[in-house]
């Protein structure tokens, strides 16, 4: 039996729940977040796979986001941190991320239910 401890990867840490792009976008757009945060969130939603993931070194690279959103790199870094603190994205911890040359993967998440807006009227949640 192998007793070697394993180091969890970002994929291991992320829950295996279903991702609903429409619900995520609706929650993002109905939030009180600033316009620039919502713009970057929509870019992420556009490029995310069916499980709400952006792979390591994907479109979340600072240079790519600068070109897509026409926002400077310093501001992009602040936006990413604010989206993470607001509960809309999750990334591996910067201090434990080993590959310093690659952009960390991102998982689109929803903030705690208490901070989310109500479902759209007539919608299915």
C-alpha atoms as a PDB file:
ATOM      1  CA  UNK A   1       0.000   0.000   0.000  1.00  0.00           C
ATOM      2  CA  UNK A   2       1.393   3.385  -1.021  1.00  0.00           C
ATOM      3  CA  UNK A   3       1.441   5.803   1.921  1.00  0.00           C
ATOM      4  CA  UNK A   4       3.136   8.645   0.066  1.00  0.00           C
ATOM      5  CA  UNK A   5       1.149  11.833   0.693  1.00  0.00           C
ATOM      6  CA  UNK A   6      -0.274  13.429  -2.405  1.00  0.00           C
ATOM      7  CA  UNK A   7      -0.372  17.129  -3.050  1.00  0.00           C
ATOM      8  CA  UNK A   8      -3.856  18.227  -4.092  1.00  0.00           C
ATOM      9  CA  UNK A   9      -4.084  19.876  -7.486  1.00  0.00           C
ATOM     10  CA  UNK A  10      -6.537  22.671  -8.329  1.00  0.00           C
ATOM     11  CA  UNK A  11      -8.794  20.110  -9.995  1.00  0.00           C
ATOM     12  CA  UNK A  12      -8.814  18.038  -6.784  1.00  0.00           C
ATOM     13  CA  UNK A  13      -9.730  21.056  -4.681  1.00  0.00           C
ATOM     14  CA  UNK A  14     -12.645  22.111  -6.862  1.00  0.00           C
ATOM     15  CA  UNK A  15     -16.039  20.580  -6.131  1.00  0.00           C
ATOM     16  CA  UNK A  16     -17.529  18.344  -8.787  1.00  0.00           C
ATOM     17  CA  UNK A  17     -20.815  20.217  -9.017  1.00  0.00           C
ATOM     18  CA  UNK A  18     -22.587  21.139 -12.202  1.00  0.00           C
ATOM     19  CA  UNK A  19     -21.931  24.579 -13.633  1.00  0.00           C
ATOM     20  CA  UNK A  20     -24.797  26.578 -15.082  1.00  0.00           C
ATOM     21  CA  UNK A  21     -23.382  29.372 -17.234  1.00  0.00           C
ATOM     22  CA  UNK A  22     -26.711  31.252 -17.426  1.00  0.00           C
ATOM     23  CA  UNK A  23     -27.141  31.277 -13.636  1.00  0.00           C
ATOM     24  CA  UNK A  24     -23.527  32.350 -13.122  1.00  0.00           C
ATOM     25  CA  UNK A  25     -23.837  35.197 -15.649  1.00  0.00           C
ATOM     26  CA  UNK A  26     -27.205  36.322 -14.294  1.00  0.00           C
ATOM     27  CA  UNK A  27     -25.796  36.395 -10.757  1.00  0.00           C
ATOM     28  CA  UNK A  28     -22.740  38.326 -11.931  1.00  0.00           C
ATOM     29  CA  UNK A  29     -24.767  40.888 -13.864  1.00  0.00           C
ATOM     30  CA  UNK A  30     -27.262  41.400 -11.039  1.00  0.00           C
ATOM     31  CA  UNK A  31     -24.474  41.938  -8.517  1.00  0.00           C
ATOM     32  CA  UNK A  32     -23.272  45.243  -7.139  1.00  0.00           C
ATOM     33  CA  UNK A  33     -19.827  44.634  -8.641  1.00  0.00           C
ATOM     34  CA  UNK A  34     -18.240  47.421 -10.646  1.00  0.00           C
ATOM     35  CA  UNK A  35     -18.528  47.364 -14.411  1.00  0.00           C
ATOM     36  CA  UNK A  36     -14.887  46.333 -14.960  1.00  0.00           C
ATOM     37  CA  UNK A  37     -15.289  43.282 -12.706  1.00  0.00           C
ATOM     38  CA  UNK A  38     -18.455  42.249 -14.519  1.00  0.00           C
ATOM     39  CA  UNK A  39     -16.669  42.657 -17.886  1.00  0.00           C
ATOM     40  CA  UNK A  40     -13.823  40.355 -16.868  1.00  0.00           C
ATOM     41  CA  UNK A  41     -16.351  37.911 -15.403  1.00  0.00           C
ATOM     42  CA  UNK A  42     -18.227  37.773 -18.712  1.00  0.00           C
ATOM     43  CA  UNK A  43     -14.963  37.167 -20.565  1.00  0.00           C
ATOM     44  CA  UNK A  44     -14.258  34.279 -18.207  1.00  0.00           C
ATOM     45  CA  UNK A  45     -17.751  32.901 -18.714  1.00  0.00           C
ATOM     46  CA  UNK A  46     -17.315  33.032 -22.486  1.00  0.00           C
ATOM     47  CA  UNK A  47     -14.064  31.033 -22.372  1.00  0.00           C
ATOM     48  CA  UNK A  48     -14.922  28.629 -19.517  1.00  0.00           C
ATOM     49  CA  UNK A  49     -15.570  24.994 -20.315  1.00  0.00           C
ATOM     50  CA  UNK A  50     -18.828  23.247 -19.437  1.00  0.00           C
ATOM     51  CA  UNK A  51     -17.721  22.804 -15.822  1.00  0.00           C
ATOM     52  CA  UNK A  52     -16.861  26.494 -15.359  1.00  0.00           C
ATOM     53  CA  UNK A  53     -13.100  26.051 -15.575  1.00  0.00           C
ATOM     54  CA  UNK A  54     -10.385  28.035 -17.294  1.00  0.00           C
ATOM     55  CA  UNK A  55      -7.259  25.907 -17.723  1.00  0.00           C
ATOM     56  CA  UNK A  56      -3.813  26.861 -16.492  1.00  0.00           C
ATOM     57  CA  UNK A  57      -2.370  29.537 -18.776  1.00  0.00           C
ATOM     58  CA  UNK A  58      -5.687  30.056 -20.574  1.00  0.00           C
ATOM     59  CA  UNK A  59      -7.390  33.359 -21.420  1.00  0.00           C
ATOM     60  CA  UNK A  60      -6.881  34.577 -17.849  1.00  0.00           C
ATOM     61  CA  UNK A  61      -3.269  35.512 -18.679  1.00  0.00           C
ATOM     62  CA  UNK A  62      -2.784  39.171 -17.832  1.00  0.00           C
ATOM     63  CA  UNK A  63      -1.624  40.005 -21.375  1.00  0.00           C
ATOM     64  CA  UNK A  64      -4.674  38.328 -22.910  1.00  0.00           C
ATOM     65  CA  UNK A  65      -7.117  40.077 -20.577  1.00  0.00           C
ATOM     66  CA  UNK A  66      -5.420  43.432 -21.242  1.00  0.00           C
ATOM     67  CA  UNK A  67      -5.979  42.960 -24.965  1.00  0.00           C
ATOM     68  CA  UNK A  68      -9.553  41.646 -24.664  1.00  0.00           C
ATOM     69  CA  UNK A  69     -10.831  44.180 -22.125  1.00  0.00           C
ATOM     70  CA  UNK A  70      -8.520  47.103 -22.969  1.00  0.00           C
ATOM     71  CA  UNK A  71      -7.629  47.459 -19.291  1.00  0.00           C
ATOM     72  CA  UNK A  72      -4.048  47.823 -18.041  1.00  0.00           C
ATOM     73  CA  UNK A  73      -2.289  44.914 -16.343  1.00  0.00           C
ATOM     74  CA  UNK A  74      -2.106  46.465 -12.892  1.00  0.00           C
ATOM     75  CA  UNK A  75      -5.870  46.979 -12.901  1.00  0.00           C
ATOM     76  CA  UNK A  76      -6.454  43.421 -14.206  1.00  0.00           C
ATOM     77  CA  UNK A  77      -4.551  42.028 -11.216  1.00  0.00           C
ATOM     78  CA  UNK A  78      -6.750  44.032  -8.833  1.00  0.00           C
ATOM     79  CA  UNK A  79      -9.904  42.874 -10.648  1.00  0.00           C
ATOM     80  CA  UNK A  80      -8.873  39.210 -10.398  1.00  0.00           C
ATOM     81  CA  UNK A  81      -8.290  39.575  -6.675  1.00  0.00           C
ATOM     82  CA  UNK A  82     -11.628  41.344  -6.176  1.00  0.00           C
ATOM     83  CA  UNK A  83     -13.499  38.659  -8.140  1.00  0.00           C
ATOM     84  CA  UNK A  84     -11.835  36.052  -5.960  1.00  0.00           C
ATOM     85  CA  UNK A  85     -12.650  37.882  -2.718  1.00  0.00           C
ATOM     86  CA  UNK A  86     -16.254  38.352  -3.889  1.00  0.00           C
ATOM     87  CA  UNK A  87     -16.636  34.597  -4.406  1.00  0.00           C
ATOM     88  CA  UNK A  88     -17.027  34.606  -8.207  1.00  0.00           C
ATOM     89  CA  UNK A  89     -13.770  32.829  -8.991  1.00  0.00           C
ATOM     90  CA  UNK A  90     -11.432  30.465  -7.216  1.00  0.00           C
ATOM     91  CA  UNK A  91      -7.733  30.007  -7.959  1.00  0.00           C
ATOM     92  CA  UNK A  92      -4.919  28.027  -6.351  1.00  0.00           C
ATOM     93  CA  UNK A  93      -3.099  29.961  -3.653  1.00  0.00           C
ATOM     94  CA  UNK A  94      -0.402  32.179  -5.159  1.00  0.00           C
ATOM     95  CA  UNK A  95       2.063  31.292  -2.409  1.00  0.00           C
ATOM     96  CA  UNK A  96       1.819  27.557  -3.088  1.00  0.00           C
ATOM     97  CA  UNK A  97       1.569  27.818  -6.888  1.00  0.00           C
ATOM     98  CA  UNK A  98       4.759  26.261  -8.226  1.00  0.00           C
ATOM     99  CA  UNK A  99       4.625  27.233 -11.888  1.00  0.00           C
ATOM    100  CA  UNK A 100       5.384  30.959 -11.652  1.00  0.00           C
ATOM    101  CA  UNK A 101       5.453  31.386 -15.444  1.00  0.00           C
ATOM    102  CA  UNK A 102       1.910  30.112 -16.050  1.00  0.00           C
ATOM    103  CA  UNK A 103      -1.371  31.801 -15.180  1.00  0.00           C
ATOM    104  CA  UNK A 104      -3.168  29.925 -12.411  1.00  0.00           C
ATOM    105  CA  UNK A 105      -6.288  27.987 -13.456  1.00  0.00           C
ATOM    106  CA  UNK A 106      -9.624  29.522 -12.507  1.00  0.00           C
ATOM    107  CA  UNK A 107     -12.920  27.944 -11.496  1.00  0.00           C
ATOM    108  CA  UNK A 108     -16.055  30.075 -11.781  1.00  0.00           C
ATOM    109  CA  UNK A 109     -17.972  29.898  -8.510  1.00  0.00           C
ATOM    110  CA  UNK A 110     -20.988  31.587  -7.002  1.00  0.00           C
ATOM    111  CA  UNK A 111     -20.707  33.685  -3.864  1.00  0.00           C
ATOM    112  CA  UNK A 112     -22.412  32.530  -0.684  1.00  0.00           C
ATOM    113  CA  UNK A 113     -26.197  32.383  -1.046  1.00  0.00           C
ATOM    114  CA  UNK A 114     -26.652  35.296   1.348  1.00  0.00           C
ATOM    115  CA  UNK A 115     -24.826  37.656  -1.023  1.00  0.00           C
ATOM    116  CA  UNK A 116     -26.479  36.465  -4.233  1.00  0.00           C
ATOM    117  CA  UNK A 117     -29.404  38.276  -5.862  1.00  0.00           C
ATOM    118  CA  UNK A 118     -32.814  36.653  -6.131  1.00  0.00           C
ATOM    119  CA  UNK A 119     -33.533  34.510  -9.208  1.00  0.00           C
ATOM    120  CA  UNK A 120     -34.953  36.306 -12.236  1.00  0.00           C
ATOM    121  CA  UNK A 121     -38.771  36.558 -12.206  1.00  0.00           C
ATOM    122  CA  UNK A 122     -40.310  33.720 -14.143  1.00  0.00           C
ATOM    123  CA  UNK A 123     -36.917  32.054 -14.434  1.00  0.00           C
ATOM    124  CA  UNK A 124     -35.998  28.596 -13.301  1.00  0.00           C
ATOM    125  CA  UNK A 125     -33.537  29.710 -10.668  1.00  0.00           C
END
